[in-house]
Amino acid sequence: MTRVREDRAAFRRPTNLSLDEQLVADAKALGINVSRACEVGLDAEIRAERNRRWKEENLEATAAWAEYVETYGLPLERYRQF
């Protein structure tokens, strides 16, 4: 579950958004805080994009590590208790 830090509340910035009219009406009918829902969704998108970019930027290193483990095994494997 994506969690937006509560300490962000003091730093909210008014923003204009264009949203589907029916979605807004449904949200209001259900008592959903549209601003909060948008904030949570945006937070999830930001996390997903940062994760995707990290994987892309570190693809070479993770591939090299996987190759190392495939060839030599885990470095401290002999000490594993399981």
N, C-alpha and C. Protein backbone atom coordinates (compact mmCIF):
# COMPACT_ATOMS: atom_id res chain seq x y z
N MET A 1 0.84 -1.18 0.00
CA MET A 1 0.00 0.00 0.00
C MET A 1 0.88 1.24 0.00
N THR A 2 0.56 2.17 -0.81
CA THR A 2 1.31 3.41 -0.87
C THR A 2 0.87 4.32 0.26
N ARG A 3 1.84 4.88 0.95
CA ARG A 3 1.53 5.78 2.05
C ARG A 3 2.17 7.14 1.78
N VAL A 4 1.37 8.16 1.90
CA VAL A 4 1.87 9.51 1.76
C VAL A 4 2.22 9.98 3.16
N ARG A 5 3.41 10.53 3.31
CA ARG A 5 3.84 10.98 4.64
C ARG A 5 2.90 12.04 5.17
N GLU A 6 2.54 11.90 6.43
CA GLU A 6 1.64 12.84 7.06
C GLU A 6 2.26 14.22 7.22
N ASP A 7 3.59 14.32 7.32
CA ASP A 7 4.22 15.62 7.51
C ASP A 7 4.13 16.51 6.28
N ARG A 8 3.64 15.99 5.18
CA ARG A 8 3.46 16.79 3.97
C ARG A 8 2.26 17.73 4.11
N ALA A 9 1.37 17.46 5.05
CA ALA A 9 0.15 18.24 5.18
C ALA A 9 0.43 19.73 5.33
N ALA A 10 1.47 20.09 6.03
CA ALA A 10 1.78 21.50 6.26
C ALA A 10 2.31 22.19 5.01
N PHE A 11 2.68 21.44 4.01
CA PHE A 11 3.30 22.01 2.81
C PHE A 11 2.45 21.80 1.56
N ARG A 12 1.16 21.70 1.71
CA ARG A 12 0.28 21.48 0.55
C ARG A 12 0.25 22.73 -0.32
N ARG A 13 0.18 22.51 -1.62
CA ARG A 13 0.14 23.61 -2.59
C ARG A 13 -1.16 23.49 -3.38
N PRO A 14 -1.93 24.55 -3.45
CA PRO A 14 -3.15 24.50 -4.26
C PRO A 14 -2.79 24.24 -5.73
N THR A 15 -3.52 23.34 -6.37
CA THR A 15 -3.24 22.96 -7.74
C THR A 15 -4.56 22.79 -8.49
N ASN A 16 -4.59 23.19 -9.72
CA ASN A 16 -5.76 22.96 -10.56
C ASN A 16 -5.55 21.68 -11.35
N LEU A 17 -6.55 20.81 -11.33
CA LEU A 17 -6.50 19.56 -12.08
C LEU A 17 -7.73 19.46 -12.96
N SER A 18 -7.58 18.80 -14.07
CA SER A 18 -8.72 18.47 -14.91
C SER A 18 -9.00 16.99 -14.73
N LEU A 19 -10.16 16.69 -14.17
CA LEU A 19 -10.53 15.30 -13.91
C LEU A 19 -11.85 14.98 -14.58
N ASP A 20 -12.04 13.72 -14.89
CA ASP A 20 -13.28 13.26 -15.47
C ASP A 20 -14.45 13.64 -14.55
N GLU A 21 -15.44 14.29 -15.11
CA GLU A 21 -16.58 14.80 -14.33
C GLU A 21 -17.30 13.69 -13.57
N GLN A 22 -17.48 12.55 -14.20
CA GLN A 22 -18.19 11.45 -13.54
C GLN A 22 -17.38 10.88 -12.39
N LEU A 23 -16.06 10.82 -12.55
CA LEU A 23 -15.22 10.34 -11.46
C LEU A 23 -15.34 11.25 -10.24
N VAL A 24 -15.34 12.54 -10.47
CA VAL A 24 -15.46 13.50 -9.37
C VAL A 24 -16.82 13.35 -8.70
N ALA A 25 -17.88 13.23 -9.50
CA ALA A 25 -19.23 13.06 -8.94
C ALA A 25 -19.32 11.78 -8.12
N ASP A 26 -18.78 10.69 -8.64
CA ASP A 26 -18.80 9.42 -7.91
C ASP A 26 -18.01 9.52 -6.61
N ALA A 27 -16.87 10.18 -6.66
CA ALA A 27 -16.05 10.33 -5.46
C ALA A 27 -16.80 11.13 -4.40
N LYS A 28 -17.42 12.21 -4.80
CA LYS A 28 -18.19 13.03 -3.85
C LYS A 28 -19.34 12.23 -3.26
N ALA A 29 -20.04 11.47 -4.10
CA ALA A 29 -21.17 10.66 -3.63
C ALA A 29 -20.72 9.61 -2.62
N LEU A 30 -19.50 9.13 -2.77
CA LEU A 30 -18.97 8.11 -1.87
C LEU A 30 -18.19 8.70 -0.70
N GLY A 31 -18.10 10.01 -0.64
CA GLY A 31 -17.39 10.66 0.46
C GLY A 31 -15.87 10.54 0.36
N ILE A 32 -15.38 10.39 -0.84
CA ILE A 32 -13.93 10.26 -1.06
C ILE A 32 -13.33 11.66 -1.20
N ASN A 33 -12.27 11.91 -0.49
CA ASN A 33 -11.55 13.18 -0.58
C ASN A 33 -10.73 13.14 -1.88
N VAL A 34 -11.17 13.91 -2.85
CA VAL A 34 -10.55 13.88 -4.18
C VAL A 34 -9.09 14.33 -4.12
N SER A 35 -8.82 15.37 -3.36
CA SER A 35 -7.44 15.86 -3.25
C SER A 35 -6.54 14.78 -2.67
N ARG A 36 -7.00 14.14 -1.61
CA ARG A 36 -6.20 13.09 -0.96
C ARG A 36 -6.00 11.90 -1.90
N ALA A 37 -7.07 11.51 -2.60
CA ALA A 37 -6.98 10.39 -3.53
C ALA A 37 -5.99 10.69 -4.65
N CYS A 38 -6.02 11.92 -5.17
CA CYS A 38 -5.06 12.32 -6.21
C CYS A 38 -3.64 12.30 -5.66
N GLU A 39 -3.48 12.77 -4.44
CA GLU A 39 -2.16 12.80 -3.80
C GLU A 39 -1.60 11.39 -3.63
N VAL A 40 -2.44 10.48 -3.17
CA VAL A 40 -2.00 9.09 -2.98
C VAL A 40 -1.65 8.45 -4.32
N GLY A 41 -2.49 8.69 -5.33
CA GLY A 41 -2.22 8.14 -6.66
C GLY A 41 -0.95 8.71 -7.27
N LEU A 42 -0.74 10.01 -7.11
CA LEU A 42 0.48 10.64 -7.63
C LEU A 42 1.71 10.10 -6.91
N ASP A 43 1.60 9.91 -5.61
CA ASP A 43 2.71 9.34 -4.85
C ASP A 43 3.07 7.95 -5.36
N ALA A 44 2.05 7.14 -5.65
CA ALA A 44 2.29 5.79 -6.17
C ALA A 44 2.96 5.85 -7.54
N GLU A 45 2.53 6.76 -8.39
CA GLU A 45 3.14 6.90 -9.72
C GLU A 45 4.59 7.35 -9.63
N ILE A 46 4.87 8.29 -8.72
CA ILE A 46 6.24 8.77 -8.54
C ILE A 46 7.13 7.64 -8.06
N ARG A 47 6.67 6.88 -7.08
CA ARG A 47 7.46 5.74 -6.58
C ARG A 47 7.73 4.72 -7.68
N ALA A 48 6.70 4.41 -8.46
CA ALA A 48 6.85 3.43 -9.55
C ALA A 48 7.86 3.92 -10.59
N GLU A 49 7.79 5.20 -10.95
CA GLU A 49 8.71 5.75 -11.95
C GLU A 49 10.14 5.79 -11.42
N ARG A 50 10.29 6.19 -10.15
CA ARG A 50 11.65 6.18 -9.57
C ARG A 50 12.21 4.77 -9.54
N ASN A 51 11.39 3.79 -9.20
CA ASN A 51 11.82 2.39 -9.17
C ASN A 51 12.22 1.93 -10.57
N ARG A 52 11.39 2.27 -11.56
CA ARG A 52 11.70 1.87 -12.94
C ARG A 52 13.02 2.49 -13.40
N ARG A 53 13.21 3.77 -13.10
CA ARG A 53 14.45 4.44 -13.51
C ARG A 53 15.66 3.87 -12.79
N TRP A 54 15.52 3.54 -11.49
CA TRP A 54 16.64 2.96 -10.76
C TRP A 54 17.04 1.64 -11.40
N LYS A 55 16.05 0.81 -11.70
CA LYS A 55 16.34 -0.48 -12.33
C LYS A 55 17.04 -0.29 -13.67
N GLU A 56 16.57 0.68 -14.44
CA GLU A 56 17.18 0.96 -15.74
C GLU A 56 18.62 1.45 -15.58
N GLU A 57 18.84 2.38 -14.65
CA GLU A 57 20.17 2.94 -14.43
C GLU A 57 21.15 1.92 -13.86
N ASN A 58 20.65 0.93 -13.14
CA ASN A 58 21.51 -0.04 -12.48
C ASN A 58 21.45 -1.43 -13.12
N LEU A 59 20.91 -1.50 -14.32
CA LEU A 59 20.75 -2.76 -15.02
C LEU A 59 22.09 -3.49 -15.19
N GLU A 60 23.10 -2.75 -15.58
CA GLU A 60 24.41 -3.35 -15.81
C GLU A 60 24.99 -3.95 -14.53
N ALA A 61 24.88 -3.20 -13.44
CA ALA A 61 25.42 -3.67 -12.15
C ALA A 61 24.65 -4.89 -11.64
N THR A 62 23.33 -4.87 -11.75
CA THR A 62 22.56 -6.02 -11.27
C THR A 62 22.81 -7.25 -12.13
N ALA A 63 23.00 -7.05 -13.42
CA ALA A 63 23.33 -8.18 -14.30
C ALA A 63 24.70 -8.75 -13.95
N ALA A 64 25.66 -7.88 -13.67
CA ALA A 64 27.00 -8.34 -13.30
C ALA A 64 26.96 -9.12 -11.99
N TRP A 65 26.17 -8.64 -11.03
CA TRP A 65 26.05 -9.34 -9.75
C TRP A 65 25.39 -10.70 -9.95
N ALA A 66 24.35 -10.76 -10.76
CA ALA A 66 23.68 -12.04 -11.03
C ALA A 66 24.64 -13.02 -11.69
N GLU A 67 25.46 -12.52 -12.58
CA GLU A 67 26.45 -13.38 -13.26
C GLU A 67 27.49 -13.88 -12.25
N TYR A 68 27.93 -13.01 -11.35
CA TYR A 68 28.89 -13.40 -10.32
C TYR A 68 28.31 -14.51 -9.44
N VAL A 69 27.08 -14.33 -8.99
CA VAL A 69 26.45 -15.33 -8.12
C VAL A 69 26.26 -16.63 -8.88
N GLU A 70 25.90 -16.54 -10.14
CA GLU A 70 25.74 -17.75 -10.97
C GLU A 70 27.06 -18.50 -11.08
N THR A 71 28.15 -17.78 -11.23
CA THR A 71 29.47 -18.40 -11.40
C THR A 71 30.06 -18.89 -10.08
N TYR A 72 30.02 -18.04 -9.06
CA TYR A 72 30.74 -18.33 -7.82
C TYR A 72 29.85 -18.63 -6.62
N GLY A 73 28.57 -18.42 -6.74
CA GLY A 73 27.66 -18.61 -5.61
C GLY A 73 27.66 -17.38 -4.71
N LEU A 74 26.88 -17.45 -3.65
CA LEU A 74 26.81 -16.33 -2.71
C LEU A 74 28.09 -16.24 -1.90
N PRO A 75 28.59 -15.05 -1.67
CA PRO A 75 29.88 -14.88 -1.00
C PRO A 75 30.00 -15.55 0.38
N LEU A 76 29.00 -15.50 1.20
CA LEU A 76 29.08 -16.07 2.55
C LEU A 76 28.15 -17.27 2.71
N GLU A 77 27.91 -17.95 1.63
CA GLU A 77 26.95 -19.05 1.63
C GLU A 77 27.30 -20.15 2.64
N ARG A 78 28.56 -20.40 2.86
CA ARG A 78 28.96 -21.48 3.78
C ARG A 78 28.55 -21.18 5.22
N TYR A 79 28.24 -19.93 5.54
CA TYR A 79 27.84 -19.58 6.89
C TYR A 79 26.32 -19.54 7.08
N ARG A 80 25.59 -19.80 6.04
CA ARG A 80 24.12 -19.76 6.14
C ARG A 80 23.62 -20.85 7.07
N GLN A 81 22.61 -20.52 7.86
CA GLN A 81 22.03 -21.47 8.81
C GLN A 81 20.79 -22.14 8.24
N PHE A 82 20.39 -21.82 7.03
CA PHE A 82 19.17 -22.40 6.46
C PHE A 82 19.41 -22.95 5.09
